[in-house]
C-alpha atoms as a PDB file:
ATOM      1  CA  UNK A   1     -75.690  60.118 113.585  1.00  0.00           C
ATOM      2  CA  UNK A   2     -74.508  61.583 110.305  1.00  0.00           C
ATOM      3  CA  UNK A   3     -76.816  63.972 108.478  1.00  0.00           C
ATOM      4  CA  UNK A   4     -76.349  62.519 104.995  1.00  0.00           C
ATOM      5  CA  UNK A   5     -75.892  58.729 105.276  1.00  0.00           C
ATOM      6  CA  UNK A   6     -77.838  55.731 106.555  1.00  0.00           C
ATOM      7  CA  UNK A   7     -81.315  56.777 107.708  1.00  0.00           C
ATOM      8  CA  UNK A   8     -80.244  60.305 108.652  1.00  0.00           C
ATOM      9  CA  UNK A   9     -82.453  63.326 107.866  1.00  0.00           C
ATOM     10  CA  UNK A  10     -80.706  64.229 104.595  1.00  0.00           C
ATOM     11  CA  UNK A  11     -79.739  60.724 103.423  1.00  0.00           C
ATOM     12  CA  UNK A  12     -81.161  59.035 100.334  1.00  0.00           C
ATOM     13  CA  UNK A  13     -82.833  56.359 102.508  1.00  0.00           C
ATOM     14  CA  UNK A  14     -83.901  58.622 105.316  1.00  0.00           C
ATOM     15  CA  UNK A  15     -86.601  58.332 107.913  1.00  0.00           C
ATOM     16  CA  UNK A  16     -89.868  60.240 107.666  1.00  0.00           C
ATOM     17  CA  UNK A  17     -90.815  63.896 108.007  1.00  0.00           C
ATOM     18  CA  UNK A  18     -94.262  65.413 108.396  1.00  0.00           C
ATOM     19  CA  UNK A  19     -93.440  67.933 105.650  1.00  0.00           C
ATOM     20  CA  UNK A  20     -92.008  67.693 102.112  1.00  0.00           C
ATOM     21  CA  UNK A  21     -88.206  67.473 101.867  1.00  0.00           C
ATOM     22  CA  UNK A  22     -86.266  67.684  98.582  1.00  0.00           C
ATOM     23  CA  UNK A  23     -84.530  64.517  97.440  1.00  0.00           C
ATOM     24  CA  UNK A  24     -81.190  66.343  97.442  1.00  0.00           C
ATOM     25  CA  UNK A  25     -80.351  68.620 100.357  1.00  0.00           C
ATOM     26  CA  UNK A  26     -77.437  70.860 101.289  1.00  0.00           C
ATOM     27  CA  UNK A  27     -76.994  72.192 104.796  1.00  0.00           C
ATOM     28  CA  UNK A  28     -74.093  74.264 106.126  1.00  0.00           C
ATOM     29  CA  UNK A  29     -73.037  75.556 109.510  1.00  0.00           C
ATOM     30  CA  UNK A  30     -70.032  77.256 111.168  1.00  0.00           C
ATOM     31  CA  UNK A  31     -67.234  75.026 112.446  1.00  0.00           C
ATOM     32  CA  UNK A  32     -65.985  76.742 115.628  1.00  0.00           C
ATOM     33  CA  UNK A  33     -63.151  74.297 116.336  1.00  0.00           C
ATOM     34  CA  UNK A  34     -59.665  75.472 115.455  1.00  0.00           C
ATOM     35  CA  UNK A  35     -58.231  73.537 112.500  1.00  0.00           C
ATOM     36  CA  UNK A  36     -54.619  73.460 111.378  1.00  0.00           C
ATOM     37  CA  UNK A  37     -52.938  71.777 108.425  1.00  0.00           C
ATOM     38  CA  UNK A  38     -49.184  71.149 108.433  1.00  0.00           C
ATOM     39  CA  UNK A  39     -47.065  70.508 105.342  1.00  0.00           C
ATOM     40  CA  UNK A  40     -43.302  69.947 105.343  1.00  0.00           C
ATOM     41  CA  UNK A  41     -43.129  71.181 108.923  1.00  0.00           C
ATOM     42  CA  UNK A  42     -44.934  74.458 108.200  1.00  0.00           C
ATOM     43  CA  UNK A  43     -48.465  75.395 109.252  1.00  0.00           C
ATOM     44  CA  UNK A  44     -50.200  76.316 106.007  1.00  0.00           C
ATOM     45  CA  UNK A  45     -53.741  76.623 107.421  1.00  0.00           C
ATOM     46  CA  UNK A  46     -54.802  77.919 110.820  1.00  0.00           C
ATOM     47  CA  UNK A  47     -58.458  78.858 111.184  1.00  0.00           C
ATOM     48  CA  UNK A  48     -61.357  79.132 113.592  1.00  0.00           C
ATOM     49  CA  UNK A  49     -63.711  80.287 110.812  1.00  0.00           C
ATOM     50  CA  UNK A  50     -64.332  77.110 108.826  1.00  0.00           C
ATOM     51  CA  UNK A  51     -67.743  76.199 107.420  1.00  0.00           C
ATOM     52  CA  UNK A  52     -68.845  72.583 107.011  1.00  0.00           C
ATOM     53  CA  UNK A  53     -71.267  71.669 104.219  1.00  0.00           C
ATOM     54  CA  UNK A  54     -73.435  68.545 104.457  1.00  0.00           C
ATOM     55  CA  UNK A  55     -74.851  67.291 101.161  1.00  0.00           C
ATOM     56  CA  UNK A  56     -76.975  64.235 100.396  1.00  0.00           C
ATOM     57  CA  UNK A  57     -74.789  61.278  99.436  1.00  0.00           C
ATOM     58  CA  UNK A  58     -71.485  62.998 100.285  1.00  0.00           C
ATOM     59  CA  UNK A  59     -69.193  63.152 103.264  1.00  0.00           C
ATOM     60  CA  UNK A  60     -69.131  66.551 104.990  1.00  0.00           C
ATOM     61  CA  UNK A  61     -66.885  69.028 103.217  1.00  0.00           C
ATOM     62  CA  UNK A  62     -64.967  71.745 105.052  1.00  0.00           C
ATOM     63  CA  UNK A  63     -64.318  75.183 103.595  1.00  0.00           C
ATOM     64  CA  UNK A  64     -61.794  77.694 104.921  1.00  0.00           C
ATOM     65  CA  UNK A  65     -61.296  81.433 104.367  1.00  0.00           C
ATOM     66  CA  UNK A  66     -58.490  81.878 101.869  1.00  0.00           C
ATOM     67  CA  UNK A  67     -57.132  84.612 104.157  1.00  0.00           C
ATOM     68  CA  UNK A  68     -56.460  81.957 106.848  1.00  0.00           C
ATOM     69  CA  UNK A  69     -53.930  80.135 104.680  1.00  0.00           C
ATOM     70  CA  UNK A  70     -50.246  81.077 104.618  1.00  0.00           C
ATOM     71  CA  UNK A  71     -50.253  83.262 101.511  1.00  0.00           C
ATOM     72  CA  UNK A  72     -46.482  82.986 101.024  1.00  0.00           C
ATOM     73  CA  UNK A  73     -46.874  79.211 100.619  1.00  0.00           C
ATOM     74  CA  UNK A  74     -49.426  79.413  97.782  1.00  0.00           C
ATOM     75  CA  UNK A  75     -48.937  79.684  94.039  1.00  0.00           C
ATOM     76  CA  UNK A  76     -51.715  79.733  91.440  1.00  0.00           C
ATOM     77  CA  UNK A  77     -51.725  76.627  89.276  1.00  0.00           C
ATOM     78  CA  UNK A  78     -53.620  75.359  86.246  1.00  0.00           C
ATOM     79  CA  UNK A  79     -57.425  75.439  86.601  1.00  0.00           C
ATOM     80  CA  UNK A  80     -59.164  72.188  87.500  1.00  0.00           C
ATOM     81  CA  UNK A  81     -61.283  70.166  85.108  1.00  0.00           C
ATOM     82  CA  UNK A  82     -64.310  72.388  85.740  1.00  0.00           C
ATOM     83  CA  UNK A  83     -62.340  75.604  85.459  1.00  0.00           C
ATOM     84  CA  UNK A  84     -62.050  76.186  89.194  1.00  0.00           C
ATOM     85  CA  UNK A  85     -59.215  78.300  90.593  1.00  0.00           C
ATOM     86  CA  UNK A  86     -56.528  76.219  92.279  1.00  0.00           C
ATOM     87  CA  UNK A  87     -53.307  76.803  94.197  1.00  0.00           C
ATOM     88  CA  UNK A  88     -50.328  74.608  94.929  1.00  0.00           C
ATOM     89  CA  UNK A  89     -48.723  74.586  98.358  1.00  0.00           C
ATOM     90  CA  UNK A  90     -44.939  74.904  98.412  1.00  0.00           C
ATOM     91  CA  UNK A  91     -42.629  74.668 101.415  1.00  0.00           C
ATOM     92  CA  UNK A  92     -38.946  74.496 100.609  1.00  0.00           C
ATOM     93  CA  UNK A  93     -38.323  71.747  98.072  1.00  0.00           C
ATOM     94  CA  UNK A  94     -41.719  70.109  98.590  1.00  0.00           C
ATOM     95  CA  UNK A  95     -44.877  70.922  96.638  1.00  0.00           C
ATOM     96  CA  UNK A  96     -48.485  69.753  96.962  1.00  0.00           C
ATOM     97  CA  UNK A  97     -49.828  70.460  93.448  1.00  0.00           C
ATOM     98  CA  UNK A  98     -53.348  71.874  93.268  1.00  0.00           C
ATOM     99  CA  UNK A  99     -54.041  71.069  96.924  1.00  0.00           C
ATOM    100  CA  UNK A 100     -56.166  74.208  97.451  1.00  0.00           C
ATOM    101  CA  UNK A 101     -59.344  74.813  95.440  1.00  0.00           C
ATOM    102  CA  UNK A 102     -61.588  77.880  95.445  1.00  0.00           C
ATOM    103  CA  UNK A 103     -65.280  77.400  96.205  1.00  0.00           C
ATOM    104  CA  UNK A 104     -67.485  77.573  93.122  1.00  0.00           C
ATOM    105  CA  UNK A 105     -71.143  78.543  93.283  1.00  0.00           C
ATOM    106  CA  UNK A 106     -73.394  75.954  91.684  1.00  0.00           C
ATOM    107  CA  UNK A 107     -76.526  78.076  91.907  1.00  0.00           C
ATOM    108  CA  UNK A 108     -78.114  81.042  93.661  1.00  0.00           C
ATOM    109  CA  UNK A 109     -79.229  78.838  96.555  1.00  0.00           C
ATOM    110  CA  UNK A 110     -75.710  77.614  97.396  1.00  0.00           C
ATOM    111  CA  UNK A 111     -73.860  78.439 100.616  1.00  0.00           C
ATOM    112  CA  UNK A 112     -72.388  81.961 100.819  1.00  0.00           C
ATOM    113  CA  UNK A 113     -68.748  80.896 100.571  1.00  0.00           C
ATOM    114  CA  UNK A 114     -67.120  83.444  98.280  1.00  0.00           C
ATOM    115  CA  UNK A 115     -63.502  83.755  99.353  1.00  0.00           C
ATOM    116  CA  UNK A 116     -63.472  80.236 100.823  1.00  0.00           C
ATOM    117  CA  UNK A 117     -61.418  77.249  99.675  1.00  0.00           C
ATOM    118  CA  UNK A 118     -61.041  73.525 100.272  1.00  0.00           C
ATOM    119  CA  UNK A 119     -57.719  71.917 101.167  1.00  0.00           C
ATOM    120  CA  UNK A 120     -56.947  68.359 100.052  1.00  0.00           C
ATOM    121  CA  UNK A 121     -56.747  66.432 103.319  1.00  0.00           C
ATOM    122  CA  UNK A 122     -54.459  63.730 101.958  1.00  0.00           C
ATOM    123  CA  UNK A 123     -52.033  66.248 100.464  1.00  0.00           C
ATOM    124  CA  UNK A 124     -51.127  67.608 103.901  1.00  0.00           C
ATOM    125  CA  UNK A 125     -48.788  65.804 106.302  1.00  0.00           C
ATOM    126  CA  UNK A 126     -50.764  66.388 109.475  1.00  0.00           C
ATOM    127  CA  UNK A 127     -54.035  67.904 110.611  1.00  0.00           C
ATOM    128  CA  UNK A 128     -55.061  69.096 114.061  1.00  0.00           C
ATOM    129  CA  UNK A 129     -58.469  69.806 115.560  1.00  0.00           C
ATOM    130  CA  UNK A 130     -57.559  72.168 118.376  1.00  0.00           C
ATOM    131  CA  UNK A 131     -54.407  70.342 119.608  1.00  0.00           C
ATOM    132  CA  UNK A 132     -55.598  66.810 118.842  1.00  0.00           C
ATOM    133  CA  UNK A 133     -54.223  65.037 115.730  1.00  0.00           C
ATOM    134  CA  UNK A 134     -56.816  64.009 113.137  1.00  0.00           C
ATOM    135  CA  UNK A 135     -56.664  60.546 111.523  1.00  0.00           C
ATOM    136  CA  UNK A 136     -58.104  59.470 108.184  1.00  0.00           C
ATOM    137  CA  UNK A 137     -60.305  62.506 107.593  1.00  0.00           C
ATOM    138  CA  UNK A 138     -61.885  65.362 109.518  1.00  0.00           C
ATOM    139  CA  UNK A 139     -64.527  64.208 111.941  1.00  0.00           C
ATOM    140  CA  UNK A 140     -68.247  64.578 111.319  1.00  0.00           C
ATOM    141  CA  UNK A 141     -69.870  66.166 114.416  1.00  0.00           C
ATOM    142  CA  UNK A 142     -73.050  64.164 113.750  1.00  0.00           C
ATOM    143  CA  UNK A 143     -71.275  60.803 113.532  1.00  0.00           C
ATOM    144  CA  UNK A 144     -71.610  58.484 116.535  1.00  0.00           C
ATOM    145  CA  UNK A 145     -69.773  55.421 117.813  1.00  0.00           C
ATOM    146  CA  UNK A 146     -71.325  53.540 120.747  1.00  0.00           C
ATOM    147  CA  UNK A 147     -69.896  50.351 122.272  1.00  0.00           C
ATOM    148  CA  UNK A 148     -72.196  48.169 124.370  1.00  0.00           C
ATOM    149  CA  UNK A 149     -71.554  44.951 126.309  1.00  0.00           C
ATOM    150  CA  UNK A 150     -73.698  42.072 125.054  1.00  0.00           C
ATOM    151  CA  UNK A 151     -74.551  38.502 126.076  1.00  0.00           C
ATOM    152  CA  UNK A 152     -75.544  37.527 122.526  1.00  0.00           C
ATOM    153  CA  UNK A 153     -73.848  34.286 121.502  1.00  0.00           C
ATOM    154  CA  UNK A 154     -71.363  35.047 118.734  1.00  0.00           C
ATOM    155  CA  UNK A 155     -69.781  32.131 116.885  1.00  0.00           C
ATOM    156  CA  UNK A 156     -67.077  32.427 114.208  1.00  0.00           C
ATOM    157  CA  UNK A 157     -66.111  29.510 111.966  1.00  0.00           C
ATOM    158  CA  UNK A 158     -64.032  28.872 108.878  1.00  0.00           C
ATOM    159  CA  UNK A 159     -63.620  25.605 107.019  1.00  0.00           C
ATOM    160  CA  UNK A 160     -65.549  23.798 109.739  1.00  0.00           C
ATOM    161  CA  UNK A 161     -63.163  25.046 112.445  1.00  0.00           C
ATOM    162  CA  UNK A 162     -64.449  27.175 115.331  1.00  0.00           C
ATOM    163  CA  UNK A 163     -62.290  30.293 115.504  1.00  0.00           C
ATOM    164  CA  UNK A 164     -64.096  32.096 118.297  1.00  0.00           C
ATOM    165  CA  UNK A 165     -67.148  31.766 120.499  1.00  0.00           C
ATOM    166  CA  UNK A 166     -68.319  34.260 123.085  1.00  0.00           C
ATOM    167  CA  UNK A 167     -71.273  35.459 125.130  1.00  0.00           C
ATOM    168  CA  UNK A 168     -69.407  38.539 126.369  1.00  0.00           C
ATOM    169  CA  UNK A 169     -68.724  40.452 123.192  1.00  0.00           C
ATOM    170  CA  UNK A 170     -68.702  44.197 122.684  1.00  0.00           C
ATOM    171  CA  UNK A 171     -71.152  45.438 120.070  1.00  0.00           C
ATOM    172  CA  UNK A 172     -69.982  48.529 118.240  1.00  0.00           C
ATOM    173  CA  UNK A 173     -72.741  50.665 116.747  1.00  0.00           C
ATOM    174  CA  UNK A 174     -71.441  53.235 114.268  1.00  0.00           C
ATOM    175  CA  UNK A 175     -73.391  55.624 112.103  1.00  0.00           C
ATOM    176  CA  UNK A 176     -74.311  54.159 108.708  1.00  0.00           C
ATOM    177  CA  UNK A 177     -72.410  50.889 109.218  1.00  0.00           C
ATOM    178  CA  UNK A 178     -73.576  47.392 110.252  1.00  0.00           C
ATOM    179  CA  UNK A 179     -73.179  46.268 113.852  1.00  0.00           C
ATOM    180  CA  UNK A 180     -69.625  45.087 114.523  1.00  0.00           C
ATOM    181  CA  UNK A 181     -69.073  42.216 116.945  1.00  0.00           C
ATOM    182  CA  UNK A 182     -65.819  42.516 118.899  1.00  0.00           C
ATOM    183  CA  UNK A 183     -64.841  39.340 120.759  1.00  0.00           C
ATOM    184  CA  UNK A 184     -62.441  39.174 123.732  1.00  0.00           C
ATOM    185  CA  UNK A 185     -58.984  37.881 122.851  1.00  0.00           C
ATOM    186  CA  UNK A 186     -59.509  35.177 125.485  1.00  0.00           C
ATOM    187  CA  UNK A 187     -62.461  33.789 123.490  1.00  0.00           C
ATOM    188  CA  UNK A 188     -60.545  33.643 120.183  1.00  0.00           C
ATOM    189  CA  UNK A 189     -58.125  30.943 118.983  1.00  0.00           C
ATOM    190  CA  UNK A 190     -55.242  33.361 118.504  1.00  0.00           C
ATOM    191  CA  UNK A 191     -52.969  30.549 117.332  1.00  0.00           C
ATOM    192  CA  UNK A 192     -54.760  30.697 113.981  1.00  0.00           C
ATOM    193  CA  UNK A 193     -54.052  34.400 113.523  1.00  0.00           C
ATOM    194  CA  UNK A 194     -50.983  36.444 112.665  1.00  0.00           C
ATOM    195  CA  UNK A 195     -50.396  40.176 112.458  1.00  0.00           C
ATOM    196  CA  UNK A 196     -50.894  41.780 109.068  1.00  0.00           C
ATOM    197  CA  UNK A 197     -49.052  44.825 107.749  1.00  0.00           C
ATOM    198  CA  UNK A 198     -52.458  46.347 107.022  1.00  0.00           C
ATOM    199  CA  UNK A 199     -53.382  49.152 109.419  1.00  0.00           C
ATOM    200  CA  UNK A 200     -56.505  51.155 108.636  1.00  0.00           C
ATOM    201  CA  UNK A 201     -57.155  54.669 109.929  1.00  0.00           C
ATOM    202  CA  UNK A 202     -60.418  55.781 111.505  1.00  0.00           C
ATOM    203  CA  UNK A 203     -60.892  59.272 112.956  1.00  0.00           C
ATOM    204  CA  UNK A 204     -63.483  57.917 115.419  1.00  0.00           C
ATOM    205  CA  UNK A 205     -62.071  54.591 116.667  1.00  0.00           C
ATOM    206  CA  UNK A 206     -58.342  54.798 115.943  1.00  0.00           C
ATOM    207  CA  UNK A 207     -55.997  52.532 114.003  1.00  0.00           C
ATOM    208  CA  UNK A 208     -57.308  49.111 112.960  1.00  0.00           C
ATOM    209  CA  UNK A 209     -54.585  46.454 113.231  1.00  0.00           C
ATOM    210  CA  UNK A 210     -55.490  43.665 110.819  1.00  0.00           C
ATOM    211  CA  UNK A 211     -54.903  39.935 111.204  1.00  0.00           C
ATOM    212  CA  UNK A 212     -54.397  37.119 108.706  1.00  0.00           C
ATOM    213  CA  UNK A 213     -56.134  33.786 109.317  1.00  0.00           C
ATOM    214  CA  UNK A 214     -54.625  30.384 108.553  1.00  0.00           C
ATOM    215  CA  UNK A 215     -56.723  27.240 109.033  1.00  0.00           C
ATOM    216  CA  UNK A 216     -54.883  24.089 107.938  1.00  0.00           C
ATOM    217  CA  UNK A 217     -53.162  25.957 105.125  1.00  0.00           C
ATOM    218  CA  UNK A 218     -56.277  27.839 104.037  1.00  0.00           C
ATOM    219  CA  UNK A 219     -55.052  31.423 104.366  1.00  0.00           C
ATOM    220  CA  UNK A 220     -57.493  34.318 104.561  1.00  0.00           C
ATOM    221  CA  UNK A 221     -55.691  37.681 104.326  1.00  0.00           C
ATOM    222  CA  UNK A 222     -56.891  40.446 106.639  1.00  0.00           C
ATOM    223  CA  UNK A 223     -59.721  38.344 108.041  1.00  0.00           C
ATOM    224  CA  UNK A 224     -60.103  40.407 111.214  1.00  0.00           C
ATOM    225  CA  UNK A 225     -58.973  43.546 112.967  1.00  0.00           C
ATOM    226  CA  UNK A 226     -58.457  44.919 116.462  1.00  0.00           C
ATOM    227  CA  UNK A 227     -57.970  48.368 117.998  1.00  0.00           C
ATOM    228  CA  UNK A 228     -54.562  48.404 119.730  1.00  0.00           C
ATOM    229  CA  UNK A 229     -54.633  52.146 120.447  1.00  0.00           C
ATOM    230  CA  UNK A 230     -58.317  53.117 120.376  1.00  0.00           C
ATOM    231  CA  UNK A 231     -59.580  56.661 120.539  1.00  0.00           C
ATOM    232  CA  UNK A 232     -62.023  57.418 123.381  1.00  0.00           C
ATOM    233  CA  UNK A 233     -65.114  56.314 121.411  1.00  0.00           C
ATOM    234  CA  UNK A 234     -63.644  52.852 120.800  1.00  0.00           C
ATOM    235  CA  UNK A 235     -61.784  52.233 124.042  1.00  0.00           C
ATOM    236  CA  UNK A 236     -64.361  49.732 125.339  1.00  0.00           C
ATOM    237  CA  UNK A 237     -63.475  47.480 122.375  1.00  0.00           C
ATOM    238  CA  UNK A 238     -59.766  47.344 123.237  1.00  0.00           C
ATOM    239  CA  UNK A 239     -58.341  43.832 123.739  1.00  0.00           C
ATOM    240  CA  UNK A 240     -61.070  42.510 121.428  1.00  0.00           C
ATOM    241  CA  UNK A 241     -61.052  41.346 117.830  1.00  0.00           C
ATOM    242  CA  UNK A 242     -63.654  41.667 115.076  1.00  0.00           C
ATOM    243  CA  UNK A 243     -63.976  39.341 112.064  1.00  0.00           C
ATOM    244  CA  UNK A 244     -65.125  40.343 108.598  1.00  0.00           C
ATOM    245  CA  UNK A 245     -68.411  38.475 108.021  1.00  0.00           C
ATOM    246  CA  UNK A 246     -67.789  38.357 104.276  1.00  0.00           C
ATOM    247  CA  UNK A 247     -64.508  36.475 104.818  1.00  0.00           C
ATOM    248  CA  UNK A 248     -65.477  33.989 107.542  1.00  0.00           C
ATOM    249  CA  UNK A 249     -68.761  32.542 108.840  1.00  0.00           C
ATOM    250  CA  UNK A 250     -70.206  34.659 111.668  1.00  0.00           C
ATOM    251  CA  UNK A 251     -73.342  33.710 113.606  1.00  0.00           C
ATOM    252  CA  UNK A 252     -75.138  35.777 116.220  1.00  0.00           C
ATOM    253  CA  UNK A 253     -77.676  33.836 118.284  1.00  0.00           C
ATOM    254  CA  UNK A 254     -77.785  31.257 115.483  1.00  0.00           C
ATOM    255  CA  UNK A 255     -78.378  33.821 112.735  1.00  0.00           C
ATOM    256  CA  UNK A 256     -75.826  34.028 109.923  1.00  0.00           C
ATOM    257  CA  UNK A 257     -74.379  37.547 109.582  1.00  0.00           C
ATOM    258  CA  UNK A 258     -73.235  38.425 106.065  1.00  0.00           C
ATOM    259  CA  UNK A 259     -72.402  42.153 106.195  1.00  0.00           C
END
């Protein structure tokens, strides 16, 4: 589970406590895993001293000691919109403008992060957690992905045409997202699908290869996706395909699924 989304302890729509909890919560803890950021072939961050901050309604945010960045790659730049101190990262002819931002206290009760900074994930070329590459964004240690075999009858239709029908799907349960119904390729009319150029990135499941749908000339772009190279959490859903229920008609045991 995540701490700040869905029905997690610090989410807006959380479960119940037997004591009062503020509507907005911040929680922080050490991040003992080694993290590295690479830009233009150079390692600009290498730390085992990160701190992750969980805040209601926000994805976890990682902070790093400024001392753990390559100081010879940093140059002070113009302050941000709120006056925060920022640095650009420069390696050779390449520059990531304002990619590093100093932590700013927002009150006396904030985390003790003087001397810490954030690094724009997307501005770096590659990230590593220990020696494993990171995709999409840094992983939330409280986020879960569970794949379970299911005999529920899943039916997918579009324009009156049955696209898929299965009683041997894989149900993927992921923190703060609806159940996803992955159907075996063998139970899908693959002749109606073609590969899309769209490939999404997920740090928990791996790349999502998308598929276009064409039913008698009625084309639905990116109507489904599969996991051709799943990460360990999603490996049970390999060789399966999942349809977007807002793009085609999906039924589970006769019940229409819309999200």
